[in-house]
Full PDB file with SEQRES, HELIX, SHEET, SSBOND, CRYST1, ORIGX, SCALE, CONECT and MASTER records, all heavy atoms in Angstrom:
SEQRES   1 A   30  ILE VAL ALA ILE ALA VAL GLY ILE ALA VAL GLY MET ALA          
SEQRES   2 A   30  VAL ARG PHE GLY SER GLU GLY ARG GLY GLY TRP ALA TYR          
SEQRES   3 A   30  GLN LEU ILE ALA                                              
HELIX    1 AA1 VAL A    2  GLY A   17  1                                  16    
HELIX    2 AA2 TRP A   24  ILE A   29  1                                   6    
CRYST1    1.000    1.000    1.000  90.00  90.00  90.00 P 1           1          
ORIGX1      1.000000  0.000000  0.000000        0.00000                         
ORIGX2      0.000000  1.000000  0.000000        0.00000                         
ORIGX3      0.000000  0.000000  1.000000        0.00000                         
SCALE1      1.000000  0.000000  0.000000        0.00000                         
SCALE2      0.000000  1.000000  0.000000        0.00000                         
SCALE3      0.000000  0.000000  1.000000        0.00000                         
ATOM      1  N   ILE A   1       5.011   6.264  15.718  1.00  0.00           N  
ATOM      2  CA  ILE A   1       4.631   7.009  14.489  1.00  0.00           C  
ATOM      3  C   ILE A   1       5.384   6.595  13.266  1.00  0.00           C  
ATOM      4  O   ILE A   1       4.918   6.660  12.142  1.00  0.00           O  
ATOM      5  CB  ILE A   1       4.779   8.558  14.755  1.00  0.00           C  
ATOM      6  CG1 ILE A   1       4.156   9.361  13.606  1.00  0.00           C  
ATOM      7  CG2 ILE A   1       6.238   8.900  14.922  1.00  0.00           C  
ATOM      8  CD1 ILE A   1       2.688   9.222  13.501  1.00  0.00           C  
ATOM      9  N   VAL A   2       6.630   6.097  13.517  1.00  0.00           N  
ATOM     10  CA  VAL A   2       7.452   5.632  12.390  1.00  0.00           C  
ATOM     11  C   VAL A   2       6.849   4.365  11.793  1.00  0.00           C  
ATOM     12  O   VAL A   2       6.813   4.157  10.571  1.00  0.00           O  
ATOM     13  CB  VAL A   2       8.882   5.427  12.823  1.00  0.00           C  
ATOM     14  CG1 VAL A   2       9.756   4.933  11.675  1.00  0.00           C  
ATOM     15  CG2 VAL A   2       9.488   6.741  13.385  1.00  0.00           C  
ATOM     16  N   ALA A   3       6.391   3.468  12.656  1.00  0.00           N  
ATOM     17  CA  ALA A   3       5.787   2.218  12.202  1.00  0.00           C  
ATOM     18  C   ALA A   3       4.546   2.512  11.392  1.00  0.00           C  
ATOM     19  O   ALA A   3       4.332   1.911  10.328  1.00  0.00           O  
ATOM     20  CB  ALA A   3       5.448   1.321  13.394  1.00  0.00           C  
ATOM     21  N   ILE A   4       3.756   3.436  11.875  1.00  0.00           N  
ATOM     22  CA  ILE A   4       2.548   3.806  11.108  1.00  0.00           C  
ATOM     23  C   ILE A   4       2.932   4.428   9.750  1.00  0.00           C  
ATOM     24  O   ILE A   4       2.297   4.171   8.754  1.00  0.00           O  
ATOM     25  CB  ILE A   4       1.718   4.809  11.941  1.00  0.00           C  
ATOM     26  CG1 ILE A   4       1.236   4.122  13.218  1.00  0.00           C  
ATOM     27  CG2 ILE A   4       0.508   5.306  11.108  1.00  0.00           C  
ATOM     28  CD1 ILE A   4       0.551   5.030  14.213  1.00  0.00           C  
ATOM     29  N   ALA A   5       3.990   5.243   9.791  1.00  0.00           N  
ATOM     30  CA  ALA A   5       4.467   5.860   8.482  1.00  0.00           C  
ATOM     31  C   ALA A   5       4.926   4.778   7.555  1.00  0.00           C  
ATOM     32  O   ALA A   5       4.733   4.918   6.337  1.00  0.00           O  
ATOM     33  CB  ALA A   5       5.623   6.838   8.795  1.00  0.00           C  
ATOM     34  N   VAL A   6       5.516   3.691   8.062  1.00  0.00           N  
ATOM     35  CA  VAL A   6       5.949   2.586   7.206  1.00  0.00           C  
ATOM     36  C   VAL A   6       4.701   1.989   6.506  1.00  0.00           C  
ATOM     37  O   VAL A   6       4.731   1.762   5.275  1.00  0.00           O  
ATOM     38  CB  VAL A   6       6.653   1.476   8.024  1.00  0.00           C  
ATOM     39  CG1 VAL A   6       6.877   0.247   7.180  1.00  0.00           C  
ATOM     40  CG2 VAL A   6       7.974   2.020   8.534  1.00  0.00           C  
ATOM     41  N   GLY A   7       3.631   1.772   7.230  1.00  0.00           N  
ATOM     42  CA  GLY A   7       2.422   1.221   6.643  1.00  0.00           C  
ATOM     43  C   GLY A   7       1.860   2.112   5.567  1.00  0.00           C  
ATOM     44  O   GLY A   7       1.439   1.627   4.550  1.00  0.00           O  
ATOM     45  N   ILE A   8       1.864   3.408   5.835  1.00  0.00           N  
ATOM     46  CA  ILE A   8       1.330   4.375   4.855  1.00  0.00           C  
ATOM     47  C   ILE A   8       2.199   4.429   3.626  1.00  0.00           C  
ATOM     48  O   ILE A   8       1.724   4.404   2.502  1.00  0.00           O  
ATOM     49  CB  ILE A   8       1.217   5.762   5.510  1.00  0.00           C  
ATOM     50  CG1 ILE A   8       0.166   5.764   6.634  1.00  0.00           C  
ATOM     51  CG2 ILE A   8       0.890   6.811   4.450  1.00  0.00           C  
ATOM     52  CD1 ILE A   8       0.071   7.038   7.415  1.00  0.00           C  
ATOM     53  N   ALA A   9       3.533   4.469   3.825  1.00  0.00           N  
ATOM     54  CA  ALA A   9       4.472   4.562   2.664  1.00  0.00           C  
ATOM     55  C   ALA A   9       4.362   3.326   1.798  1.00  0.00           C  
ATOM     56  O   ALA A   9       4.278   3.438   0.584  1.00  0.00           O  
ATOM     57  CB  ALA A   9       5.862   4.741   3.174  1.00  0.00           C  
ATOM     58  N   VAL A  10       4.387   2.140   2.405  1.00  0.00           N  
ATOM     59  CA  VAL A  10       4.285   0.929   1.633  1.00  0.00           C  
ATOM     60  C   VAL A  10       2.950   0.835   0.982  1.00  0.00           C  
ATOM     61  O   VAL A  10       2.843   0.471  -0.231  1.00  0.00           O  
ATOM     62  CB  VAL A  10       4.543  -0.298   2.527  1.00  0.00           C  
ATOM     63  CG1 VAL A  10       4.315  -1.589   1.748  1.00  0.00           C  
ATOM     64  CG2 VAL A  10       5.965  -0.284   3.066  1.00  0.00           C  
ATOM     65  N   GLY A  11       1.884   1.164   1.696  1.00  0.00           N  
ATOM     66  CA  GLY A  11       0.531   1.096   1.095  1.00  0.00           C  
ATOM     67  C   GLY A  11       0.380   2.019  -0.083  1.00  0.00           C  
ATOM     68  O   GLY A  11      -0.210   1.614  -1.089  1.00  0.00           O  
ATOM     69  N   MET A  12       0.886   3.227   0.008  1.00  0.00           N  
ATOM     70  CA  MET A  12       0.806   4.168  -1.121  1.00  0.00           C  
ATOM     71  C   MET A  12       1.621   3.708  -2.299  1.00  0.00           C  
ATOM     72  O   MET A  12       1.219   3.901  -3.451  1.00  0.00           O  
ATOM     73  CB  MET A  12       1.262   5.569  -0.638  1.00  0.00           C  
ATOM     74  CG  MET A  12       0.293   6.199   0.359  1.00  0.00           C  
ATOM     75  SD  MET A  12       0.788   7.854   0.839  1.00  0.00           S  
ATOM     76  CE  MET A  12       0.600   8.735  -0.719  1.00  0.00           C  
ATOM     77  N   ALA A  13       2.784   3.094  -2.030  1.00  0.00           N  
ATOM     78  CA  ALA A  13       3.634   2.609  -3.139  1.00  0.00           C  
ATOM     79  C   ALA A  13       2.890   1.512  -3.911  1.00  0.00           C  
ATOM     80  O   ALA A  13       2.961   1.456  -5.103  1.00  0.00           O  
ATOM     81  CB  ALA A  13       4.987   2.141  -2.586  1.00  0.00           C  
ATOM     82  N   VAL A  14       2.313   0.585  -3.111  1.00  0.00           N  
ATOM     83  CA  VAL A  14       1.565  -0.509  -3.772  1.00  0.00           C  
ATOM     84  C   VAL A  14       0.354   0.043  -4.522  1.00  0.00           C  
ATOM     85  O   VAL A  14       0.052  -0.396  -5.641  1.00  0.00           O  
ATOM     86  CB  VAL A  14       1.128  -1.553  -2.714  1.00  0.00           C  
ATOM     87  CG1 VAL A  14       0.194  -2.560  -3.327  1.00  0.00           C  
ATOM     88  CG2 VAL A  14       2.324  -2.232  -2.088  1.00  0.00           C  
ATOM     89  N   ARG A  15      -0.307   1.040  -3.968  1.00  0.00           N  
ATOM     90  CA  ARG A  15      -1.459   1.631  -4.612  1.00  0.00           C  
ATOM     91  C   ARG A  15      -1.035   2.291  -5.930  1.00  0.00           C  
ATOM     92  O   ARG A  15      -1.739   2.164  -6.946  1.00  0.00           O  
ATOM     93  CB  ARG A  15      -2.061   2.695  -3.666  1.00  0.00           C  
ATOM     94  CG  ARG A  15      -3.347   3.339  -4.223  1.00  0.00           C  
ATOM     95  CD  ARG A  15      -4.539   2.476  -3.965  1.00  0.00           C  
ATOM     96  NE  ARG A  15      -5.763   2.991  -4.589  1.00  0.00           N  
ATOM     97  CZ  ARG A  15      -6.943   2.436  -4.440  1.00  0.00           C  
ATOM     98  NH1 ARG A  15      -7.089   1.371  -3.734  1.00  0.00           N  
ATOM     99  NH2 ARG A  15      -7.992   2.978  -5.045  1.00  0.00           N  
ATOM    100  N   PHE A  16       0.079   2.962  -5.919  1.00  0.00           N  
ATOM    101  CA  PHE A  16       0.578   3.589  -7.155  1.00  0.00           C  
ATOM    102  C   PHE A  16       0.916   2.538  -8.173  1.00  0.00           C  
ATOM    103  O   PHE A  16       0.634   2.682  -9.384  1.00  0.00           O  
ATOM    104  CB  PHE A  16       1.774   4.458  -6.820  1.00  0.00           C  
ATOM    105  CG  PHE A  16       2.323   5.194  -8.012  1.00  0.00           C  
ATOM    106  CD1 PHE A  16       1.735   6.362  -8.440  1.00  0.00           C  
ATOM    107  CD2 PHE A  16       3.456   4.740  -8.686  1.00  0.00           C  
ATOM    108  CE1 PHE A  16       2.217   7.036  -9.571  1.00  0.00           C  
ATOM    109  CE2 PHE A  16       3.932   5.390  -9.799  1.00  0.00           C  
ATOM    110  CZ  PHE A  16       3.326   6.556 -10.241  1.00  0.00           C  
ATOM    111  N   GLY A  17       1.568   1.452  -7.748  1.00  0.00           N  
ATOM    112  CA  GLY A  17       1.943   0.419  -8.654  1.00  0.00           C  
ATOM    113  C   GLY A  17       0.734  -0.312  -9.254  1.00  0.00           C  
ATOM    114  O   GLY A  17       0.802  -0.792 -10.362  1.00  0.00           O  
ATOM    115  N   SER A  18      -0.371  -0.346  -8.479  1.00  0.00           N  
ATOM    116  CA  SER A  18      -1.568  -1.016  -8.988  1.00  0.00           C  
ATOM    117  C   SER A  18      -2.404  -0.075  -9.862  1.00  0.00           C  
ATOM    118  O   SER A  18      -3.478  -0.415 -10.280  1.00  0.00           O  
ATOM    119  CB  SER A  18      -2.429  -1.495  -7.843  1.00  0.00           C  
ATOM    120  OG  SER A  18      -2.967  -0.426  -7.127  1.00  0.00           O  
ATOM    121  N   GLU A  19      -1.882   1.136 -10.104  1.00  0.00           N  
ATOM    122  CA  GLU A  19      -2.574   2.138 -10.902  1.00  0.00           C  
ATOM    123  C   GLU A  19      -3.928   2.524 -10.252  1.00  0.00           C  
ATOM    124  O   GLU A  19      -4.884   2.806 -10.934  1.00  0.00           O  
ATOM    125  CB  GLU A  19      -2.760   1.651 -12.346  1.00  0.00           C  
ATOM    126  CG  GLU A  19      -1.448   1.324 -13.054  1.00  0.00           C  
ATOM    127  CD  GLU A  19      -1.693   0.716 -14.443  1.00  0.00           C  
ATOM    128  OE1 GLU A  19      -2.833   0.579 -14.812  1.00  0.00           O  
ATOM    129  OE2 GLU A  19      -0.693   0.409 -15.090  1.00  0.00           O  
ATOM    130  N   GLY A  20      -3.933   2.503  -8.923  1.00  0.00           N  
ATOM    131  CA  GLY A  20      -5.098   2.932  -8.189  1.00  0.00           C  
ATOM    132  C   GLY A  20      -6.229   1.932  -8.192  1.00  0.00           C  
ATOM    133  O   GLY A  20      -7.365   2.249  -7.776  1.00  0.00           O  
ATOM    134  N   ARG A  21      -5.998   0.679  -8.654  1.00  0.00           N  
ATOM    135  CA  ARG A  21      -7.100  -0.279  -8.735  1.00  0.00           C  
ATOM    136  C   ARG A  21      -7.531  -0.723  -7.362  1.00  0.00           C  
ATOM    137  O   ARG A  21      -8.740  -0.710  -7.075  1.00  0.00           O  
ATOM    138  CB  ARG A  21      -6.656  -1.514  -9.528  1.00  0.00           C  
ATOM    139  CG  ARG A  21      -6.228  -1.236 -10.955  1.00  0.00           C  
ATOM    140  CD  ARG A  21      -7.387  -0.712 -11.758  1.00  0.00           C  
ATOM    141  NE  ARG A  21      -7.000  -0.396 -13.124  1.00  0.00           N  
ATOM    142  CZ  ARG A  21      -7.034  -1.225 -14.151  1.00  0.00           C  
ATOM    143  NH1 ARG A  21      -7.454  -2.457 -13.993  1.00  0.00           N  
ATOM    144  NH2 ARG A  21      -6.680  -0.792 -15.346  1.00  0.00           N  
ATOM    145  N   GLY A  22      -6.650  -1.136  -6.503  1.00  0.00           N  
ATOM    146  CA  GLY A  22      -7.034  -1.666  -5.199  1.00  0.00           C  
ATOM    147  C   GLY A  22      -7.603  -3.034  -5.309  1.00  0.00           C  
ATOM    148  O   GLY A  22      -7.886  -3.542  -6.435  1.00  0.00           O  
ATOM    149  N   GLY A  23      -7.842  -3.689  -4.213  1.00  0.00           N  
ATOM    150  CA  GLY A  23      -8.373  -5.068  -4.213  1.00  0.00           C  
ATOM    151  C   GLY A  23      -7.598  -5.930  -3.262  1.00  0.00           C  
ATOM    152  O   GLY A  23      -6.526  -5.575  -2.746  1.00  0.00           O  
ATOM    153  N   TRP A  24      -8.118  -7.112  -2.971  1.00  0.00           N  
ATOM    154  CA  TRP A  24      -7.559  -7.976  -1.945  1.00  0.00           C  
ATOM    155  C   TRP A  24      -6.123  -8.375  -2.263  1.00  0.00           C  
ATOM    156  O   TRP A  24      -5.292  -8.496  -1.362  1.00  0.00           O  
ATOM    157  CB  TRP A  24      -8.406  -9.226  -1.739  1.00  0.00           C  
ATOM    158  CG  TRP A  24      -8.499 -10.118  -2.954  1.00  0.00           C  
ATOM    159  CD1 TRP A  24      -9.389 -10.150  -3.925  1.00  0.00           C  
ATOM    160  CD2 TRP A  24      -7.546 -11.195  -3.221  1.00  0.00           C  
ATOM    161  NE1 TRP A  24      -9.094 -11.146  -4.851  1.00  0.00           N  
ATOM    162  CE2 TRP A  24      -7.988 -11.800  -4.417  1.00  0.00           C  
ATOM    163  CE3 TRP A  24      -6.421 -11.696  -2.593  1.00  0.00           C  
ATOM    164  CZ2 TRP A  24      -7.312 -12.878  -4.993  1.00  0.00           C  
ATOM    165  CZ3 TRP A  24      -5.718 -12.755  -3.162  1.00  0.00           C  
ATOM    166  CH2 TRP A  24      -6.207 -13.362  -4.347  1.00  0.00           C  
ATOM    167  N   ALA A  25      -5.791  -8.585  -3.550  1.00  0.00           N  
ATOM    168  CA  ALA A  25      -4.414  -8.992  -3.890  1.00  0.00           C  
ATOM    169  C   ALA A  25      -3.417  -7.925  -3.502  1.00  0.00           C  
ATOM    170  O   ALA A  25      -2.358  -8.210  -2.907  1.00  0.00           O  
ATOM    171  CB  ALA A  25      -4.325  -9.346  -5.347  1.00  0.00           C  
ATOM    172  N   TYR A  26      -3.720  -6.675  -3.810  1.00  0.00           N  
ATOM    173  CA  TYR A  26      -2.855  -5.586  -3.496  1.00  0.00           C  
ATOM    174  C   TYR A  26      -2.843  -5.317  -1.979  1.00  0.00           C  
ATOM    175  O   TYR A  26      -1.798  -4.913  -1.455  1.00  0.00           O  
ATOM    176  CB  TYR A  26      -3.257  -4.339  -4.263  1.00  0.00           C  
ATOM    177  CG  TYR A  26      -3.292  -4.537  -5.746  1.00  0.00           C  
ATOM    178  CD1 TYR A  26      -4.496  -4.465  -6.465  1.00  0.00           C  
ATOM    179  CD2 TYR A  26      -2.137  -4.767  -6.460  1.00  0.00           C  
ATOM    180  CE1 TYR A  26      -4.517  -4.649  -7.839  1.00  0.00           C  
ATOM    181  CE2 TYR A  26      -2.132  -4.969  -7.822  1.00  0.00           C  
ATOM    182  CZ  TYR A  26      -3.347  -4.907  -8.514  1.00  0.00           C  
ATOM    183  OH  TYR A  26      -3.378  -5.130  -9.853  1.00  0.00           O  
ATOM    184  N   GLN A  27      -3.956  -5.568  -1.361  1.00  0.00           N  
ATOM    185  CA  GLN A  27      -4.005  -5.410   0.122  1.00  0.00           C  
ATOM    186  C   GLN A  27      -3.070  -6.417   0.794  1.00  0.00           C  
ATOM    187  O   GLN A  27      -2.338  -6.106   1.755  1.00  0.00           O  
ATOM    188  CB  GLN A  27      -5.428  -5.586   0.596  1.00  0.00           C  
ATOM    189  CG  GLN A  27      -6.344  -4.396   0.245  1.00  0.00           C  
ATOM    190  CD  GLN A  27      -7.772  -4.621   0.682  1.00  0.00           C  
ATOM    191  OE1 GLN A  27      -8.403  -5.621   0.249  1.00  0.00           O  
ATOM    192  NE2 GLN A  27      -8.282  -3.786   1.534  1.00  0.00           N  
ATOM    193  N   LEU A  28      -3.073  -7.632   0.290  1.00  0.00           N  
ATOM    194  CA  LEU A  28      -2.202  -8.667   0.880  1.00  0.00           C  
ATOM    195  C   LEU A  28      -0.738  -8.336   0.640  1.00  0.00           C  
ATOM    196  O   LEU A  28       0.108  -8.523   1.526  1.00  0.00           O  
ATOM    197  CB  LEU A  28      -2.515 -10.063   0.275  1.00  0.00           C  
ATOM    198  CG  LEU A  28      -3.851 -10.669   0.683  1.00  0.00           C  
ATOM    199  CD1 LEU A  28      -4.046 -12.030  -0.010  1.00  0.00           C  
ATOM    200  CD2 LEU A  28      -3.908 -10.870   2.191  1.00  0.00           C  
ATOM    201  N   ILE A  29      -0.408  -7.848  -0.556  1.00  0.00           N  
ATOM    202  CA  ILE A  29       0.954  -7.430  -0.864  1.00  0.00           C  
ATOM    203  C   ILE A  29       1.412  -6.334   0.074  1.00  0.00           C  
ATOM    204  O   ILE A  29       2.508  -6.360   0.620  1.00  0.00           O  
ATOM    205  CB  ILE A  29       1.060  -7.011  -2.334  1.00  0.00           C  
ATOM    206  CG1 ILE A  29       0.885  -8.154  -3.276  1.00  0.00           C  
ATOM    207  CG2 ILE A  29       2.420  -6.282  -2.578  1.00  0.00           C  
ATOM    208  CD1 ILE A  29       0.871  -7.806  -4.746  1.00  0.00           C  
ATOM    209  N   ALA A  30       0.528  -5.335   0.258  1.00  0.00           N  
ATOM    210  CA  ALA A  30       0.887  -4.181   1.105  1.00  0.00           C  
ATOM    211  C   ALA A  30       1.096  -4.615   2.568  1.00  0.00           C  
ATOM    212  O   ALA A  30       2.070  -4.164   3.225  1.00  0.00           O  
ATOM    213  CB  ALA A  30      -0.210  -3.119   1.021  1.00  0.00           C  
TER     214      ALA A  30                                                      
MASTER        0    0    0    2    0    0    0    6  213    1    0    3          
END                                                                             
């Protein structure tokens, strides 16, 4: 569950940094 939480935390941080845009570049970063 901790590993999954890591993916969620990092994904949300990248999403926030991208201003909610999303896209393949941000997906690769995450």
